[in-house]
Amino acid sequence: MWKKLFGRSPIRVWVIKQVDRDLLHLCGEGRIEPEARRDDVIAALHRGEYAGPVRMPGGGLVLNSRLFAALTAHDGLHLGADGQAHWQGHLWRVAQVPQRCWAYEGRLVAQATGQGPLDLVSSEDTSAIRHRAREENQAPPGTVSFRAADELEDEARFAERWRREAAKPGRLREWRHDDEER
């Protein structure tokens, strides 16, 4: 009751991880527990300028708002049963973002699951990693290249390191010949 009187009750928001051309990557419904006046926080949400903590659905995980593309007041986005969302005057397809991707800071891609109208699930885009791996591995399959362990060192460094290693005293004790008879 006191929270309602003093305007500190949580604000329900839709948490949008990424906005594509016709697709919203939606994390779900979060809550903001305003530290400032409730009306000021709602105004910042409508302007897209809210910065602060967001309590995520299920489990109470709290994440920073900078991880998300948009936070919109609960009445600002209408989610239909057909997997479509009405937001900012447009009709969007919706991909559900799993919890493992909430803190991911890269690009997301949607993949169909074939389970009804809400069949799109977001996952991390790994195409750039695959592309880099393909570029680095230019040798044809089945080809192995052997090289010396110090191949990347220039000759001067190698010679200096070799001299230092050779100059070190041995790890074994030397024979002192003190047990021989005189």
N, C-alpha and C. Protein backbone atom coordinates (compact mmCIF):
# COMPACT_ATOMS: atom_id res chain seq x y z
N MET A 1 0.81 -1.18 0.00
CA MET A 1 0.00 0.00 0.00
C MET A 1 0.86 1.26 0.00
N TRP A 2 1.94 1.24 0.79
CA TRP A 2 2.80 2.42 0.85
C TRP A 2 3.45 2.70 -0.49
N LYS A 3 3.80 1.62 -1.22
CA LYS A 3 4.41 1.82 -2.53
C LYS A 3 3.45 2.52 -3.48
N LYS A 4 2.18 2.16 -3.43
CA LYS A 4 1.19 2.82 -4.30
C LYS A 4 1.02 4.29 -3.92
N LEU A 5 1.04 4.58 -2.62
CA LEU A 5 0.87 5.96 -2.19
C LEU A 5 2.03 6.84 -2.62
N PHE A 6 3.24 6.29 -2.54
CA PHE A 6 4.42 7.10 -2.85
C PHE A 6 4.95 6.88 -4.26
N GLY A 7 4.21 6.14 -5.10
CA GLY A 7 4.58 5.98 -6.50
C GLY A 7 5.78 5.10 -6.75
N ARG A 8 6.04 4.13 -5.89
CA ARG A 8 7.21 3.29 -6.07
C ARG A 8 6.85 1.86 -6.49
N SER A 9 5.65 1.64 -6.96
CA SER A 9 5.29 0.29 -7.40
C SER A 9 6.01 -0.01 -8.72
N PRO A 10 6.34 -1.27 -8.98
CA PRO A 10 7.08 -1.62 -10.20
C PRO A 10 6.29 -1.28 -11.46
N ILE A 11 7.02 -0.95 -12.50
CA ILE A 11 6.42 -0.63 -13.79
C ILE A 11 6.63 -1.84 -14.70
N ARG A 12 5.55 -2.37 -15.25
CA ARG A 12 5.64 -3.50 -16.17
C ARG A 12 6.06 -2.99 -17.54
N VAL A 13 7.07 -3.65 -18.12
CA VAL A 13 7.57 -3.27 -19.44
C VAL A 13 7.77 -4.52 -20.30
N TRP A 14 7.72 -4.32 -21.60
CA TRP A 14 8.13 -5.36 -22.54
C TRP A 14 9.61 -5.13 -22.84
N VAL A 15 10.40 -6.19 -22.78
CA VAL A 15 11.84 -6.09 -23.00
C VAL A 15 12.14 -6.61 -24.40
N ILE A 16 12.62 -5.72 -25.26
CA ILE A 16 12.93 -6.06 -26.65
C ILE A 16 14.44 -6.08 -26.80
N LYS A 17 14.97 -7.24 -27.15
CA LYS A 17 16.42 -7.40 -27.26
C LYS A 17 16.96 -6.80 -28.56
N GLN A 18 16.26 -7.03 -29.67
CA GLN A 18 16.75 -6.57 -30.98
C GLN A 18 15.56 -6.30 -31.88
N VAL A 19 15.68 -5.28 -32.72
CA VAL A 19 14.62 -4.95 -33.68
C VAL A 19 15.19 -5.13 -35.08
N ASP A 20 14.61 -6.06 -35.84
CA ASP A 20 14.98 -6.26 -37.24
C ASP A 20 13.93 -5.59 -38.12
N ARG A 21 14.05 -5.76 -39.42
CA ARG A 21 13.16 -5.08 -40.36
C ARG A 21 11.69 -5.35 -40.07
N ASP A 22 11.29 -6.60 -39.88
CA ASP A 22 9.89 -6.92 -39.60
C ASP A 22 9.77 -7.88 -38.42
N LEU A 23 10.79 -7.93 -37.57
CA LEU A 23 10.85 -8.93 -36.50
C LEU A 23 11.33 -8.30 -35.20
N LEU A 24 10.64 -8.63 -34.11
CA LEU A 24 11.08 -8.22 -32.78
C LEU A 24 11.62 -9.44 -32.05
N HIS A 25 12.80 -9.31 -31.48
CA HIS A 25 13.35 -10.35 -30.62
C HIS A 25 12.94 -9.96 -29.20
N LEU A 26 11.94 -10.65 -28.67
CA LEU A 26 11.29 -10.27 -27.43
C LEU A 26 11.74 -11.17 -26.28
N CYS A 27 12.28 -10.56 -25.22
CA CYS A 27 12.68 -11.32 -24.03
C CYS A 27 11.49 -11.66 -23.16
N GLY A 28 10.49 -10.84 -23.18
CA GLY A 28 9.31 -11.06 -22.36
C GLY A 28 8.96 -9.82 -21.57
N GLU A 29 8.24 -10.03 -20.50
CA GLU A 29 7.78 -8.92 -19.68
C GLU A 29 8.73 -8.74 -18.50
N GLY A 30 9.27 -7.56 -18.36
CA GLY A 30 10.14 -7.25 -17.24
C GLY A 30 9.49 -6.23 -16.32
N ARG A 31 10.21 -5.90 -15.28
CA ARG A 31 9.70 -4.90 -14.33
C ARG A 31 10.82 -3.91 -14.01
N ILE A 32 10.41 -2.67 -13.90
CA ILE A 32 11.32 -1.61 -13.48
C ILE A 32 10.85 -1.12 -12.12
N GLU A 33 11.75 -1.10 -11.17
CA GLU A 33 11.43 -0.57 -9.85
C GLU A 33 12.03 0.83 -9.79
N PRO A 34 11.20 1.84 -10.03
CA PRO A 34 11.73 3.20 -10.20
C PRO A 34 12.33 3.77 -8.92
N GLU A 35 13.47 4.41 -9.10
CA GLU A 35 14.09 5.14 -7.99
C GLU A 35 13.64 6.60 -8.02
N ALA A 36 13.32 7.08 -9.22
CA ALA A 36 12.80 8.45 -9.37
C ALA A 36 11.27 8.38 -9.35
N ARG A 37 10.64 9.50 -9.61
CA ARG A 37 9.17 9.51 -9.66
C ARG A 37 8.68 8.61 -10.78
N ARG A 38 7.61 7.92 -10.52
CA ARG A 38 7.04 6.96 -11.47
C ARG A 38 6.72 7.64 -12.81
N ASP A 39 6.12 8.82 -12.77
CA ASP A 39 5.76 9.52 -14.00
C ASP A 39 6.99 9.89 -14.83
N ASP A 40 8.09 10.24 -14.16
CA ASP A 40 9.32 10.57 -14.87
C ASP A 40 9.90 9.34 -15.57
N VAL A 41 9.84 8.19 -14.90
CA VAL A 41 10.35 6.95 -15.49
C VAL A 41 9.50 6.54 -16.68
N ILE A 42 8.19 6.66 -16.56
CA ILE A 42 7.30 6.31 -17.68
C ILE A 42 7.53 7.25 -18.85
N ALA A 43 7.74 8.53 -18.58
CA ALA A 43 8.03 9.48 -19.66
C ALA A 43 9.35 9.12 -20.34
N ALA A 44 10.36 8.74 -19.57
CA ALA A 44 11.65 8.32 -20.15
C ALA A 44 11.47 7.06 -20.99
N LEU A 45 10.62 6.14 -20.56
CA LEU A 45 10.34 4.94 -21.35
C LEU A 45 9.71 5.31 -22.69
N HIS A 46 8.76 6.21 -22.69
CA HIS A 46 8.10 6.62 -23.93
C HIS A 46 9.06 7.33 -24.87
N ARG A 47 10.02 8.06 -24.33
CA ARG A 47 11.03 8.73 -25.16
C ARG A 47 12.14 7.77 -25.58
N GLY A 48 12.21 6.59 -24.97
CA GLY A 48 13.29 5.64 -25.26
C GLY A 48 14.58 6.00 -24.58
N GLU A 49 14.51 6.72 -23.47
CA GLU A 49 15.71 7.21 -22.79
C GLU A 49 15.92 6.59 -21.41
N TYR A 50 15.15 5.57 -21.06
CA TYR A 50 15.32 4.98 -19.72
C TYR A 50 16.68 4.29 -19.64
N ALA A 51 17.38 4.54 -18.55
CA ALA A 51 18.66 3.87 -18.27
C ALA A 51 18.64 3.43 -16.82
N GLY A 52 18.80 2.14 -16.63
CA GLY A 52 18.78 1.62 -15.27
C GLY A 52 18.51 0.13 -15.24
N PRO A 53 18.25 -0.39 -14.05
CA PRO A 53 18.05 -1.83 -13.91
C PRO A 53 16.67 -2.28 -14.38
N VAL A 54 16.64 -3.50 -14.92
CA VAL A 54 15.39 -4.13 -15.35
C VAL A 54 15.35 -5.52 -14.73
N ARG A 55 14.29 -5.81 -13.99
CA ARG A 55 14.11 -7.14 -13.40
C ARG A 55 13.44 -8.01 -14.45
N MET A 56 14.13 -9.09 -14.82
CA MET A 56 13.65 -9.96 -15.88
C MET A 56 12.63 -10.96 -15.36
N PRO A 57 11.81 -11.52 -16.26
CA PRO A 57 10.77 -12.46 -15.83
C PRO A 57 11.35 -13.77 -15.33
N GLY A 58 10.76 -14.31 -14.28
CA GLY A 58 11.14 -15.62 -13.77
C GLY A 58 12.53 -15.64 -13.17
N GLY A 59 12.66 -15.76 -11.90
CA GLY A 59 13.97 -15.87 -11.27
C GLY A 59 14.52 -14.59 -10.70
N GLY A 60 14.00 -13.45 -11.09
CA GLY A 60 14.43 -12.19 -10.50
C GLY A 60 15.78 -11.68 -10.97
N LEU A 61 16.28 -12.14 -12.11
CA LEU A 61 17.54 -11.66 -12.66
C LEU A 61 17.40 -10.18 -13.01
N VAL A 62 18.38 -9.37 -12.60
CA VAL A 62 18.35 -7.92 -12.87
C VAL A 62 19.47 -7.59 -13.85
N LEU A 63 19.10 -6.99 -14.99
CA LEU A 63 20.06 -6.63 -16.02
C LEU A 63 19.97 -5.13 -16.31
N ASN A 64 21.05 -4.60 -16.88
CA ASN A 64 21.09 -3.19 -17.24
C ASN A 64 20.32 -2.96 -18.53
N SER A 65 19.62 -1.87 -18.61
CA SER A 65 18.79 -1.57 -19.78
C SER A 65 19.62 -1.38 -21.05
N ARG A 66 20.90 -1.09 -20.94
CA ARG A 66 21.73 -0.89 -22.14
C ARG A 66 21.89 -2.17 -22.96
N LEU A 67 21.59 -3.33 -22.36
CA LEU A 67 21.68 -4.60 -23.07
C LEU A 67 20.55 -4.80 -24.07
N PHE A 68 19.54 -3.94 -24.04
CA PHE A 68 18.35 -4.14 -24.84
C PHE A 68 18.16 -3.01 -25.84
N ALA A 69 17.53 -3.35 -26.96
CA ALA A 69 17.27 -2.35 -28.00
C ALA A 69 16.16 -1.40 -27.58
N ALA A 70 15.16 -1.93 -26.88
CA ALA A 70 14.04 -1.08 -26.47
C ALA A 70 13.34 -1.67 -25.26
N LEU A 71 12.85 -0.77 -24.44
CA LEU A 71 11.94 -1.11 -23.35
C LEU A 71 10.70 -0.28 -23.59
N THR A 72 9.57 -0.93 -23.59
CA THR A 72 8.34 -0.19 -23.83
C THR A 72 7.35 -0.51 -22.72
N ALA A 73 6.59 0.49 -22.34
CA ALA A 73 5.59 0.29 -21.29
C ALA A 73 4.66 -0.84 -21.71
N HIS A 74 4.12 -1.53 -20.73
CA HIS A 74 3.32 -2.72 -21.01
C HIS A 74 2.16 -2.45 -21.95
N ASP A 75 1.57 -1.28 -21.87
CA ASP A 75 0.45 -0.97 -22.76
C ASP A 75 0.90 -0.46 -24.12
N GLY A 76 2.20 -0.31 -24.34
CA GLY A 76 2.73 0.18 -25.61
C GLY A 76 2.92 -0.90 -26.66
N LEU A 77 2.89 -2.16 -26.27
CA LEU A 77 3.06 -3.27 -27.20
C LEU A 77 1.93 -4.27 -26.93
N HIS A 78 1.26 -4.68 -27.98
CA HIS A 78 0.16 -5.63 -27.84
C HIS A 78 0.56 -6.92 -28.55
N LEU A 79 0.64 -7.99 -27.80
CA LEU A 79 1.05 -9.29 -28.32
C LEU A 79 -0.19 -10.12 -28.60
N GLY A 80 -0.33 -10.55 -29.86
CA GLY A 80 -1.49 -11.34 -30.25
C GLY A 80 -1.23 -12.83 -30.12
N ALA A 81 -2.29 -13.61 -30.15
CA ALA A 81 -2.18 -15.06 -30.03
C ALA A 81 -1.57 -15.69 -31.28
N ASP A 82 -1.55 -14.96 -32.38
CA ASP A 82 -1.01 -15.49 -33.63
C ASP A 82 0.49 -15.28 -33.78
N GLY A 83 1.15 -14.82 -32.73
CA GLY A 83 2.59 -14.61 -32.80
C GLY A 83 2.99 -13.28 -33.38
N GLN A 84 2.05 -12.38 -33.52
CA GLN A 84 2.31 -11.04 -34.05
C GLN A 84 2.22 -10.03 -32.91
N ALA A 85 2.98 -8.97 -33.03
CA ALA A 85 2.94 -7.90 -32.04
C ALA A 85 2.62 -6.59 -32.74
N HIS A 86 1.82 -5.78 -32.11
CA HIS A 86 1.51 -4.44 -32.62
C HIS A 86 2.28 -3.45 -31.75
N TRP A 87 3.25 -2.76 -32.37
CA TRP A 87 4.11 -1.83 -31.63
C TRP A 87 4.47 -0.68 -32.55
N GLN A 88 4.37 0.52 -32.06
CA GLN A 88 4.70 1.75 -32.78
C GLN A 88 4.00 1.84 -34.13
N GLY A 89 2.74 1.40 -34.18
CA GLY A 89 1.96 1.51 -35.40
C GLY A 89 2.27 0.48 -36.46
N HIS A 90 3.10 -0.50 -36.17
CA HIS A 90 3.46 -1.54 -37.13
C HIS A 90 3.07 -2.91 -36.58
N LEU A 91 2.94 -3.86 -37.49
CA LEU A 91 2.70 -5.25 -37.11
C LEU A 91 4.02 -6.00 -37.28
N TRP A 92 4.48 -6.66 -36.24
CA TRP A 92 5.78 -7.31 -36.21
C TRP A 92 5.62 -8.81 -35.97
N ARG A 93 6.49 -9.60 -36.57
CA ARG A 93 6.61 -11.00 -36.15
C ARG A 93 7.44 -11.00 -34.88
N VAL A 94 7.27 -12.03 -34.06
CA VAL A 94 7.96 -12.06 -32.76
C VAL A 94 8.80 -13.33 -32.66
N ALA A 95 10.04 -13.17 -32.24
CA ALA A 95 10.92 -14.29 -31.91
C ALA A 95 11.19 -14.24 -30.42
N GLN A 96 11.02 -15.37 -29.77
CA GLN A 96 11.25 -15.44 -28.32
C GLN A 96 12.75 -15.56 -28.06
N VAL A 97 13.26 -14.73 -27.16
CA VAL A 97 14.68 -14.75 -26.82
C VAL A 97 14.86 -15.58 -25.55
N PRO A 98 15.63 -16.68 -25.63
CA PRO A 98 15.85 -17.48 -24.42
C PRO A 98 16.76 -16.76 -23.44
N GLN A 99 16.73 -17.20 -22.20
CA GLN A 99 17.47 -16.52 -21.14
C GLN A 99 18.97 -16.45 -21.42
N ARG A 100 19.53 -17.46 -22.07
CA ARG A 100 20.98 -17.46 -22.32
C ARG A 100 21.41 -16.30 -23.22
N CYS A 101 20.46 -15.72 -23.98
CA CYS A 101 20.78 -14.63 -24.90
C CYS A 101 20.47 -13.25 -24.32
N TRP A 102 19.91 -13.18 -23.14
CA TRP A 102 19.53 -11.88 -22.59
C TRP A 102 20.73 -10.96 -22.42
N ALA A 103 21.86 -11.48 -21.98
CA ALA A 103 23.04 -10.65 -21.76
C ALA A 103 23.99 -10.66 -22.95
N TYR A 104 23.67 -11.39 -24.00
CA TYR A 104 24.50 -11.47 -25.20
C TYR A 104 24.50 -10.12 -25.90
N GLU A 105 25.67 -9.64 -26.30
CA GLU A 105 25.75 -8.31 -26.88
C GLU A 105 25.96 -8.31 -28.39
N GLY A 106 25.89 -9.46 -29.00
CA GLY A 106 26.03 -9.54 -30.45
C GLY A 106 24.68 -9.59 -31.15
N ARG A 107 24.74 -9.89 -32.43
CA ARG A 107 23.53 -9.96 -33.26
C ARG A 107 22.81 -11.28 -33.01
N LEU A 108 21.48 -11.24 -33.05
CA LEU A 108 20.66 -12.44 -32.90
C LEU A 108 20.03 -12.79 -34.24
N VAL A 109 19.79 -14.08 -34.45
CA VAL A 109 19.06 -14.55 -35.62
C VAL A 109 17.89 -15.39 -35.13
N ALA A 110 16.80 -15.37 -35.90
CA ALA A 110 15.61 -16.14 -35.53
C ALA A 110 15.60 -17.46 -36.28
N GLN A 111 15.24 -18.51 -35.57
CA GLN A 111 15.15 -19.84 -36.17
C GLN A 111 13.76 -20.40 -35.89
N ALA A 112 13.17 -21.01 -36.90
CA ALA A 112 11.83 -21.60 -36.73
C ALA A 112 11.93 -22.92 -35.99
N THR A 113 10.97 -23.15 -35.11
CA THR A 113 10.93 -24.41 -34.36
C THR A 113 9.81 -25.32 -34.85
N GLY A 114 8.85 -24.77 -35.58
CA GLY A 114 7.73 -25.57 -36.09
C GLY A 114 6.71 -25.93 -35.03
N GLN A 115 6.59 -25.10 -34.00
CA GLN A 115 5.66 -25.39 -32.90
C GLN A 115 4.57 -24.33 -32.80
N GLY A 116 3.82 -24.15 -33.83
CA GLY A 116 2.68 -23.25 -33.75
C GLY A 116 3.02 -21.82 -34.14
N PRO A 117 2.12 -20.90 -33.78
CA PRO A 117 2.28 -19.51 -34.21
C PRO A 117 3.49 -18.82 -33.57
N LEU A 118 3.85 -19.20 -32.37
CA LEU A 118 5.04 -18.60 -31.73
C LEU A 118 6.22 -19.53 -31.95
N ASP A 119 6.54 -19.78 -33.22
CA ASP A 119 7.54 -20.79 -33.52
C ASP A 119 8.94 -20.24 -33.78
N LEU A 120 9.16 -18.96 -33.58
CA LEU A 120 10.49 -18.39 -33.80
C LEU A 120 11.22 -18.23 -32.47
N VAL A 121 12.46 -18.71 -32.45
CA VAL A 121 13.30 -18.58 -31.26
C VAL A 121 14.60 -17.92 -31.69
N SER A 122 15.06 -16.96 -30.92
CA SER A 122 16.30 -16.26 -31.23
C SER A 122 17.49 -17.05 -30.72
N SER A 123 18.60 -16.92 -31.44
CA SER A 123 19.86 -17.50 -30.98
C SER A 123 21.00 -16.61 -31.45
N GLU A 124 22.17 -16.85 -30.92
CA GLU A 124 23.33 -16.04 -31.25
C GLU A 124 23.72 -16.26 -32.71
N ASP A 125 24.10 -15.19 -33.39
CA ASP A 125 24.55 -15.28 -34.77
C ASP A 125 26.02 -15.67 -34.77
N THR A 126 26.33 -16.86 -35.26
CA THR A 126 27.71 -17.34 -35.26
C THR A 126 28.30 -17.34 -36.67
N SER A 127 27.64 -16.71 -37.63
CA SER A 127 28.13 -16.73 -39.00
C SER A 127 29.48 -16.03 -39.13
N ALA A 128 29.71 -14.96 -38.37
CA ALA A 128 31.01 -14.26 -38.44
C ALA A 128 32.13 -15.15 -37.93
N ILE A 129 31.86 -15.91 -36.88
CA ILE A 129 32.87 -16.82 -36.34
C ILE A 129 33.19 -17.91 -37.36
N ARG A 130 32.15 -18.47 -37.97
CA ARG A 130 32.37 -19.51 -38.99
C ARG A 130 33.16 -18.95 -40.16
N HIS A 131 32.85 -17.72 -40.57
CA HIS A 131 33.54 -17.09 -41.70
C HIS A 131 35.03 -16.90 -41.39
N ARG A 132 35.32 -16.41 -40.17
CA ARG A 132 36.72 -16.23 -39.78
C ARG A 132 37.46 -17.56 -39.71
N ALA A 133 36.80 -18.58 -39.19
CA ALA A 133 37.43 -19.90 -39.10
C ALA A 133 37.72 -20.44 -40.50
N ARG A 134 36.82 -20.21 -41.43
CA ARG A 134 37.03 -20.66 -42.80
C ARG A 134 38.20 -19.93 -43.44
N GLU A 135 38.32 -18.61 -43.17
CA GLU A 135 39.42 -17.83 -43.75
C GLU A 135 40.76 -18.27 -43.19
N GLU A 136 40.81 -18.55 -41.88
CA GLU A 136 42.07 -18.93 -41.25
C GLU A 136 42.52 -20.32 -41.68
N ASN A 137 41.61 -21.16 -42.02
CA ASN A 137 41.94 -22.54 -42.38
C ASN A 137 41.92 -22.67 -43.90
N GLN A 138 42.94 -22.12 -44.56
CA GLN A 138 43.00 -22.12 -46.01
C GLN A 138 43.53 -23.43 -46.59
N ALA A 139 44.20 -24.24 -45.78
CA ALA A 139 44.75 -25.50 -46.28
C ALA A 139 43.60 -26.44 -46.64
N PRO A 140 43.75 -27.17 -47.75
CA PRO A 140 42.69 -28.11 -48.11
C PRO A 140 42.55 -29.20 -47.04
N PRO A 141 41.38 -29.78 -46.90
CA PRO A 141 41.19 -30.82 -45.89
C PRO A 141 42.16 -31.97 -46.09
N GLY A 142 42.67 -32.50 -45.01
CA GLY A 142 43.60 -33.62 -45.07
C GLY A 142 45.05 -33.20 -45.21
N THR A 143 45.33 -31.91 -45.32
CA THR A 143 46.69 -31.42 -45.45
C THR A 143 47.19 -30.98 -44.08
N VAL A 144 48.37 -31.44 -43.73
CA VAL A 144 48.96 -31.09 -42.45
C VAL A 144 50.26 -30.37 -42.71
N SER A 145 50.48 -29.26 -42.01
CA SER A 145 51.75 -28.56 -42.17
C SER A 145 52.56 -28.71 -40.89
N PHE A 146 53.79 -29.15 -41.05
CA PHE A 146 54.69 -29.30 -39.91
C PHE A 146 55.65 -28.14 -39.92
N ARG A 147 55.95 -27.62 -38.74
CA ARG A 147 56.89 -26.52 -38.65
C ARG A 147 57.61 -26.60 -37.32
N ALA A 148 58.71 -25.92 -37.25
CA ALA A 148 59.48 -25.90 -36.01
C ALA A 148 58.72 -25.12 -34.95
N ALA A 149 58.97 -25.44 -33.69
CA ALA A 149 58.27 -24.78 -32.60
C ALA A 149 58.62 -23.30 -32.53
N ASP A 150 59.80 -22.92 -33.00
CA ASP A 150 60.24 -21.54 -32.92
C ASP A 150 60.12 -20.82 -34.27
N GLU A 151 59.29 -21.29 -35.13
CA GLU A 151 59.20 -20.73 -36.46
C GLU A 151 58.80 -19.26 -36.45
N LEU A 152 58.04 -18.85 -35.49
CA LEU A 152 57.59 -17.47 -35.46
C LEU A 152 58.63 -16.51 -34.91
N GLU A 153 59.71 -17.03 -34.33
CA GLU A 153 60.76 -16.16 -33.79
C GLU A 153 61.76 -15.82 -34.88
N ASP A 154 62.30 -14.62 -34.83
CA ASP A 154 63.36 -14.31 -35.77
C ASP A 154 64.67 -14.91 -35.26
N GLU A 155 65.67 -14.98 -36.12
CA GLU A 155 66.91 -15.69 -35.77
C GLU A 155 67.64 -15.06 -34.60
N ALA A 156 67.64 -13.74 -34.51
CA ALA A 156 68.37 -13.08 -33.42
C ALA A 156 67.76 -13.43 -32.07
N ARG A 157 66.46 -13.41 -31.97
CA ARG A 157 65.81 -13.77 -30.70
C ARG A 157 66.07 -15.23 -30.35
N PHE A 158 65.98 -16.09 -31.35
CA PHE A 158 66.20 -17.51 -31.10
C PHE A 158 67.62 -17.75 -30.60
N ALA A 159 68.60 -17.10 -31.25
CA ALA A 159 70.00 -17.29 -30.85
C ALA A 159 70.23 -16.77 -29.43
N GLU A 160 69.64 -15.63 -29.11
CA GLU A 160 69.79 -15.07 -27.76
C GLU A 160 69.16 -16.00 -26.72
N ARG A 161 67.99 -16.51 -27.00
CA ARG A 161 67.33 -17.42 -26.05
C ARG A 161 68.15 -18.70 -25.89
N TRP A 162 68.70 -19.20 -26.98
CA TRP A 162 69.50 -20.42 -26.93
C TRP A 162 70.75 -20.20 -26.09
N ARG A 163 71.42 -19.03 -26.23
CA ARG A 163 72.61 -18.71 -25.43
C ARG A 163 72.27 -18.64 -23.95
N ARG A 164 71.13 -17.99 -23.62
CA ARG A 164 70.72 -17.91 -22.21
C ARG A 164 70.47 -19.29 -21.62
N GLU A 165 69.80 -20.15 -22.37
CA GLU A 165 69.52 -21.50 -21.88
C GLU A 165 70.81 -22.29 -21.69
N ALA A 166 71.75 -22.11 -22.58
CA ALA A 166 73.02 -22.85 -22.48
C ALA A 166 73.87 -22.34 -21.33
N ALA A 167 73.75 -21.06 -20.99
CA ALA A 167 74.57 -20.47 -19.93
C ALA A 167 74.05 -20.80 -18.54
N LYS A 168 72.85 -21.25 -18.41
CA LYS A 168 72.30 -21.57 -17.09
C LYS A 168 73.02 -22.77 -16.51
N PRO A 169 73.27 -22.74 -15.19
CA PRO A 169 73.90 -23.91 -14.58
C PRO A 169 72.92 -25.08 -14.62
N GLY A 170 73.49 -26.26 -14.64
CA GLY A 170 72.66 -27.47 -14.69
C GLY A 170 71.83 -27.61 -13.43
N ARG A 171 70.79 -28.33 -13.54
CA ARG A 171 69.90 -28.54 -12.40
C ARG A 171 70.43 -29.63 -11.47
N LEU A 172 71.26 -30.51 -11.97
CA LEU A 172 71.81 -31.59 -11.14
C LEU A 172 73.06 -31.10 -10.42
N ARG A 173 73.31 -31.65 -9.26
CA ARG A 173 74.52 -31.28 -8.54
C ARG A 173 75.74 -31.88 -9.22
N GLU A 174 76.79 -31.11 -9.17
CA GLU A 174 78.03 -31.61 -9.76
C GLU A 174 78.75 -32.49 -8.74
N TRP A 175 79.52 -33.39 -9.22
CA TRP A 175 80.30 -34.28 -8.36
C TRP A 175 81.44 -33.50 -7.76
N ARG A 176 81.55 -33.55 -6.40
CA ARG A 176 82.57 -32.75 -5.73
C ARG A 176 83.84 -33.56 -5.45
N HIS A 177 83.83 -34.81 -5.65
CA HIS A 177 84.97 -35.69 -5.41
C HIS A 177 85.46 -35.64 -3.98
N ASP A 178 84.65 -35.36 -3.00
CA ASP A 178 85.09 -35.28 -1.61
C ASP A 178 85.03 -36.64 -0.91
N ASP A 179 84.53 -37.64 -1.58
CA ASP A 179 84.49 -38.95 -0.96
C ASP A 179 85.62 -39.86 -1.42
N GLU A 180 86.48 -39.34 -2.25
CA GLU A 180 87.60 -40.14 -2.72
C GLU A 180 88.68 -40.19 -1.65
N GLU A 181 89.39 -41.28 -1.64
CA GLU A 181 90.47 -41.42 -0.67
C GLU A 181 91.66 -40.60 -1.12
N ARG A 182 92.32 -40.08 -0.13
CA ARG A 182 93.47 -39.23 -0.43
C ARG A 182 94.73 -39.96 -0.30
